[in-house]
Amino acid sequence: MRVIRVGGVEEPFNLPWLLAFEDNAFADLGAEVTFTNFEGGTGALVTGLEDAMIDLGTLLTEGGVTAIARGSGVQLHSAFTSTPLRWGIHVAAKADQKKVSELKGKKFAISRYGSGSELMAHVLADNQGWKLKDSQFVPVGGLAGAVTALPKRKAHIFLWERFITAPLVKQGIFKRVGELPTPWPAFYTAARPGLLASDGPLIDDIVAIVLGYAQQLKHDPDAAIDLIVDRYDMARRDARAWLTGVDWPTTPFVDTDVLDSVMTRMVELGRIEAPVPVTELY
């Protein structure tokens, strides 16, 4: 039986993958799918794909586009969500700052360079009219690293999915001073180099099954909310708000207009030196 190794962040966006995996839903395809959580986010997932540690990953759209435009051999397969990611802008709970405008010149905790947390720091700075210096980025490895770094003032700002961090805000570890929704759909499924050329139809079928599980979550929201509360330590109110605000496609597809828009924005922010043909992304 063919084994397909999937990686993603430990967030409810990936719940359809976990449910399909737990149901052994791919057996009729002659495939077994495993899922591994990556603490380091999109940057770590890109490395995992490049090093063939995993076969598929659910990447932040901007992170996947940027990696490929910079020369990575990974390929985007299809849109995984059709709605934006709602980033929370966080500081330590005891920090003096209470609004985004007070954060100019402060240091950003990021998962790693090339991660979504780094890329969105540039989006935030651009929106605010700030010029960032390299010294303003502090790689911390992920959410757990930020939990340590912000209270110790090793960094001051951390961007992460606002519903995942909600328990940390409630516990008095972080303070949320704003939100930053992405101006594009949040996630794309990406494949390691060469996989789509050798196994494209199989990957199409696997992703289609997962998207079917995503639709089941939307069709039975009460059951979905129970799962999200149980698995992700979210308050029921937050879980309902999260589920209401996310949609997955019904079938695998690539939106070239979205990818072109993301690439243009990353060029404007200086994260990509020059645009590449959109067809090179998938």
Protein backbone atom coordinates (compact mmCIF):
# COMPACT_ATOMS: atom_id res chain seq x y z
CA MET A 1 0.00 0.00 0.00
CA ARG A 2 1.30 3.45 -0.92
CA VAL A 3 2.04 5.71 2.07
CA ILE A 4 1.51 9.47 1.65
CA ARG A 5 2.96 11.55 4.49
CA VAL A 6 1.16 14.82 5.16
CA GLY A 7 2.29 17.68 7.39
CA GLY A 8 0.53 20.74 8.75
CA VAL A 9 0.18 23.04 11.72
CA GLU A 10 -1.84 21.93 14.71
CA GLU A 11 -4.87 24.08 13.95
CA PRO A 12 -8.49 23.18 13.17
CA PHE A 13 -7.99 24.02 9.49
CA ASN A 14 -6.37 20.59 9.26
CA LEU A 15 -9.14 18.73 11.09
CA PRO A 16 -10.47 17.28 7.77
CA TRP A 17 -7.09 15.59 7.22
CA LEU A 18 -7.15 14.09 10.71
CA LEU A 19 -10.70 12.81 10.40
CA ALA A 20 -9.99 11.20 7.04
CA PHE A 21 -6.78 9.67 8.41
CA GLU A 22 -8.59 8.27 11.45
CA ASP A 23 -11.28 6.76 9.20
CA ASN A 24 -8.65 5.17 6.93
CA ALA A 25 -10.62 6.89 4.17
CA PHE A 26 -7.97 6.33 1.51
CA ALA A 27 -7.88 2.53 1.61
CA ASP A 28 -9.88 2.18 -1.61
CA LEU A 29 -7.19 4.22 -3.37
CA GLY A 30 -4.54 1.77 -2.24
CA ALA A 31 -3.03 4.46 -0.05
CA GLU A 32 -2.38 5.04 3.62
CA VAL A 33 -2.13 8.67 4.69
CA THR A 34 -0.28 9.79 7.81
CA PHE A 35 -0.37 13.27 9.36
CA THR A 36 2.37 15.02 11.32
CA ASN A 37 2.02 18.34 13.15
CA PHE A 38 4.78 20.87 12.47
CA GLU A 39 5.43 23.31 15.31
CA GLY A 40 7.53 25.56 13.05
CA GLY A 41 4.71 26.40 10.63
CA THR A 42 5.04 27.01 6.91
CA GLY A 43 8.82 27.51 6.91
CA ALA A 44 9.33 24.12 8.55
CA LEU A 45 6.80 22.51 6.20
CA VAL A 46 8.61 23.82 3.12
CA THR A 47 11.86 22.35 4.45
CA GLY A 48 10.10 19.06 5.14
CA LEU A 49 8.81 18.92 1.56
CA GLU A 50 12.18 19.87 0.07
CA ASP A 51 13.95 17.19 2.12
CA ALA A 52 11.25 14.58 1.29
CA MET A 53 10.39 14.15 4.97
CA ILE A 54 6.75 14.60 3.94
CA ASP A 55 4.90 14.28 0.63
CA LEU A 56 2.18 16.90 1.10
CA GLY A 57 1.80 19.93 3.34
CA THR A 58 -0.88 22.51 4.00
CA LEU A 59 1.06 25.76 3.62
CA LEU A 60 0.09 29.35 4.11
CA THR A 61 -0.57 30.61 0.60
CA GLU A 62 1.92 33.48 0.83
CA GLY A 63 4.60 31.18 2.24
CA GLY A 64 4.22 28.64 -0.55
CA VAL A 65 4.27 31.27 -3.28
CA THR A 66 7.32 32.97 -1.78
CA ALA A 67 9.27 29.74 -1.36
CA ILE A 68 8.69 28.64 -4.95
CA ALA A 69 9.41 32.08 -6.40
CA ARG A 70 12.72 32.01 -4.50
CA GLY A 71 13.67 28.71 -6.14
CA SER A 72 12.13 25.95 -4.03
CA GLY A 73 11.21 22.82 -5.96
CA VAL A 74 7.93 22.26 -4.10
CA GLN A 75 4.70 22.58 -6.10
CA LEU A 76 1.30 23.92 -5.11
CA HIS A 77 -1.43 21.40 -5.77
CA SER A 78 -4.71 23.14 -4.93
CA ALA A 79 -6.42 25.69 -2.71
CA PHE A 80 -7.10 24.20 0.72
CA THR A 81 -9.24 27.02 2.12
CA SER A 82 -11.24 29.68 0.33
CA THR A 83 -11.30 32.17 3.23
CA PRO A 84 -8.57 34.33 4.80
CA LEU A 85 -6.55 33.58 7.91
CA ARG A 86 -7.32 35.90 10.82
CA TRP A 87 -3.95 36.70 12.37
CA GLY A 88 -3.95 38.02 15.91
CA ILE A 89 -1.41 40.72 16.76
CA HIS A 90 -0.12 39.82 20.21
CA VAL A 91 2.13 41.29 22.88
CA ALA A 92 2.96 40.02 26.36
CA ALA A 93 0.00 40.35 28.71
CA LYS A 94 1.90 42.80 30.92
CA ALA A 95 3.26 44.90 28.05
CA ASP A 96 2.48 48.59 28.15
CA GLN A 97 1.30 48.74 24.53
CA LYS A 98 -2.45 48.59 23.99
CA LYS A 99 -2.75 49.30 20.26
CA VAL A 100 -0.85 48.50 17.09
CA SER A 101 0.34 52.06 16.49
CA GLU A 102 2.41 51.82 19.70
CA LEU A 103 4.48 48.90 18.38
CA LYS A 104 6.67 50.80 15.93
CA GLY A 105 10.31 49.75 16.26
CA LYS A 106 9.55 46.70 18.40
CA LYS A 107 10.87 43.20 17.71
CA PHE A 108 8.78 40.45 16.09
CA ALA A 109 8.90 36.87 17.33
CA ILE A 110 8.71 34.65 14.22
CA SER A 111 8.67 30.89 13.77
CA ARG A 112 11.60 31.10 11.35
CA TYR A 113 12.62 33.14 8.34
CA GLY A 114 10.25 32.47 5.45
CA SER A 115 7.41 31.54 7.79
CA GLY A 116 3.96 33.06 7.68
CA SER A 117 4.67 34.90 10.92
CA GLU A 118 7.62 36.63 9.26
CA LEU A 119 5.83 37.38 6.00
CA MET A 120 2.79 38.81 7.76
CA ALA A 121 5.06 40.97 9.92
CA HIS A 122 6.09 42.65 6.67
CA VAL A 123 2.44 43.02 5.66
CA LEU A 124 1.64 44.61 9.02
CA ALA A 125 4.61 46.96 8.80
CA ASP A 126 3.68 47.97 5.28
CA ASN A 127 0.10 48.69 6.36
CA GLN A 128 1.42 50.84 9.22
CA GLY A 129 4.08 52.62 7.15
CA TRP A 130 6.95 51.15 9.18
CA LYS A 131 10.39 50.26 7.82
CA LEU A 132 11.63 47.02 9.36
CA LYS A 133 15.26 46.13 10.11
CA ASP A 134 16.70 42.62 10.15
CA SER A 135 17.44 43.09 13.85
CA GLN A 136 13.69 43.31 14.53
CA PHE A 137 13.14 39.59 13.83
CA VAL A 138 13.68 36.97 16.53
CA PRO A 139 13.19 33.33 15.41
CA VAL A 140 11.55 31.38 18.24
CA GLY A 141 10.50 28.15 16.51
CA GLY A 142 6.72 28.48 16.82
CA LEU A 143 3.94 29.21 19.26
CA ALA A 144 5.65 27.58 22.25
CA GLY A 145 8.75 29.68 21.64
CA ALA A 146 6.70 32.87 21.54
CA VAL A 147 5.06 31.94 24.84
CA THR A 148 8.54 32.05 26.37
CA ALA A 149 9.99 34.95 24.36
CA LEU A 150 7.30 37.63 24.82
CA PRO A 151 7.01 37.62 28.62
CA LYS A 152 10.84 37.72 28.85
CA ARG A 153 10.92 40.70 26.41
CA LYS A 154 13.23 38.84 24.02
CA ALA A 155 10.68 39.93 21.40
CA HIS A 156 7.61 42.10 21.66
CA ILE A 157 5.12 41.22 18.88
CA PHE A 158 3.83 37.84 17.72
CA LEU A 159 1.47 37.16 14.84
CA TRP A 160 -0.49 33.89 14.98
CA GLU A 161 -3.96 32.57 14.22
CA ARG A 162 -6.17 34.46 16.67
CA PHE A 163 -8.44 31.58 17.66
CA ILE A 164 -5.54 29.25 18.43
CA THR A 165 -4.02 31.89 20.71
CA ALA A 166 -7.35 32.74 22.37
CA PRO A 167 -6.70 30.40 25.35
CA LEU A 168 -3.31 32.08 25.89
CA VAL A 169 -4.98 35.49 25.90
CA LYS A 170 -7.55 34.22 28.39
CA GLN A 171 -4.77 32.76 30.58
CA GLY A 172 -3.01 36.13 30.73
CA ILE A 173 0.07 35.10 28.73
CA PHE A 174 -0.64 37.20 25.62
CA LYS A 175 -2.61 40.38 25.04
CA ARG A 176 -4.22 40.82 21.63
CA VAL A 177 -3.93 44.40 20.40
CA GLY A 178 -5.35 43.91 16.90
CA GLU A 179 -6.11 41.56 14.02
CA LEU A 180 -4.71 41.26 10.51
CA PRO A 181 -6.71 39.15 8.04
CA THR A 182 -4.82 38.01 4.99
CA PRO A 183 -6.03 39.64 1.76
CA TRP A 184 -6.15 36.18 0.14
CA PRO A 185 -7.34 32.64 1.00
CA ALA A 186 -5.23 31.21 3.80
CA PHE A 187 -3.92 27.79 2.78
CA TYR A 188 -2.76 25.77 -0.23
CA THR A 189 -1.89 22.10 -0.35
CA ALA A 190 1.68 21.70 -1.63
CA ALA A 191 3.64 18.66 -2.80
CA ARG A 192 7.27 17.67 -2.54
CA PRO A 193 9.33 18.04 -5.74
CA GLY A 194 8.40 15.49 -8.39
CA LEU A 195 5.36 14.03 -6.63
CA LEU A 196 2.69 15.54 -8.87
CA ALA A 197 4.53 14.38 -12.00
CA SER A 198 4.63 10.79 -10.76
CA ASP A 199 1.40 10.54 -8.75
CA GLY A 200 -0.80 13.48 -9.74
CA PRO A 201 -4.08 11.52 -10.11
CA LEU A 202 -3.60 9.82 -6.73
CA ILE A 203 -2.98 13.18 -5.03
CA ASP A 204 -6.08 14.61 -6.76
CA ASP A 205 -8.18 11.79 -5.30
CA ILE A 206 -6.68 12.08 -1.81
CA VAL A 207 -7.28 15.83 -1.61
CA ALA A 208 -10.82 15.41 -2.95
CA ILE A 209 -11.60 12.96 -0.12
CA VAL A 210 -10.24 15.39 2.48
CA LEU A 211 -12.30 18.25 1.08
CA GLY A 212 -15.34 15.99 1.40
CA TYR A 213 -14.63 15.67 5.11
CA ALA A 214 -14.34 19.47 5.28
CA GLN A 215 -17.81 19.82 3.81
CA GLN A 216 -19.16 17.43 6.44
CA LEU A 217 -17.85 19.77 9.15
CA LYS A 218 -19.74 22.66 7.60
CA HIS A 219 -22.92 20.61 7.16
CA ASP A 220 -23.00 19.48 10.82
CA PRO A 221 -21.66 22.51 12.70
CA ASP A 222 -22.74 21.40 16.18
CA ALA A 223 -20.76 18.16 15.90
CA ALA A 224 -17.84 20.05 14.35
CA ILE A 225 -17.80 22.55 17.21
CA ASP A 226 -17.72 19.70 19.74
CA LEU A 227 -14.65 18.28 17.97
CA ILE A 228 -12.89 21.64 17.79
CA VAL A 229 -13.51 22.40 21.47
CA ASP A 230 -12.25 18.96 22.47
CA ARG A 231 -9.16 18.83 20.26
CA TYR A 232 -7.95 22.42 20.23
CA ASP A 233 -8.82 23.69 23.72
CA MET A 234 -11.02 26.44 22.29
CA ALA A 235 -13.98 28.00 24.05
CA ARG A 236 -17.25 27.00 22.43
CA ARG A 237 -17.98 30.60 21.42
CA ASP A 238 -14.56 30.87 19.72
CA ALA A 239 -15.00 27.51 18.01
CA ARG A 240 -18.35 28.59 16.58
CA ALA A 241 -16.92 31.92 15.40
CA TRP A 242 -13.95 30.14 13.83
CA LEU A 243 -16.10 27.61 11.98
CA THR A 244 -18.46 30.32 10.74
CA GLY A 245 -15.50 32.21 9.29
CA VAL A 246 -13.79 29.38 7.41
CA ASP A 247 -14.72 27.63 4.17
CA TRP A 248 -12.98 24.90 2.22
CA PRO A 249 -13.37 24.35 -1.54
CA THR A 250 -15.67 21.53 -2.59
CA THR A 251 -13.18 20.17 -5.16
CA PRO A 252 -9.43 20.66 -5.78
CA PHE A 253 -8.62 23.69 -7.93
CA VAL A 254 -5.96 26.35 -8.48
CA ASP A 255 -6.93 30.03 -8.51
CA THR A 256 -4.28 31.67 -10.66
CA ASP A 257 -5.64 35.15 -9.95
CA VAL A 258 -5.11 34.64 -6.22
CA LEU A 259 -1.59 33.30 -6.73
CA ASP A 260 -0.71 36.20 -9.01
CA SER A 261 -2.07 38.67 -6.46
CA VAL A 262 -0.05 37.10 -3.64
CA MET A 263 3.12 37.11 -5.72
CA THR A 264 2.64 40.77 -6.66
CA ARG A 265 2.22 41.67 -2.99
CA MET A 266 5.31 39.73 -1.93
CA VAL A 267 7.34 41.51 -4.63
CA GLU A 268 6.06 44.85 -3.35
CA LEU A 269 7.14 43.89 0.17
CA GLY A 270 10.57 42.81 -1.03
CA ARG A 271 10.07 39.17 -0.05
CA ILE A 272 10.36 38.08 -3.71
CA GLU A 273 12.98 39.69 -5.93
CA ALA A 274 10.99 39.35 -9.15
CA PRO A 275 7.75 37.60 -10.13
CA VAL A 276 7.82 34.23 -11.88
CA PRO A 277 5.14 32.87 -14.23
CA VAL A 278 2.20 31.67 -12.18
CA THR A 279 2.34 28.34 -14.02
CA GLU A 280 5.67 27.65 -12.27
CA LEU A 281 3.90 27.57 -8.92
CA TYR A 282 1.80 24.46 -9.55
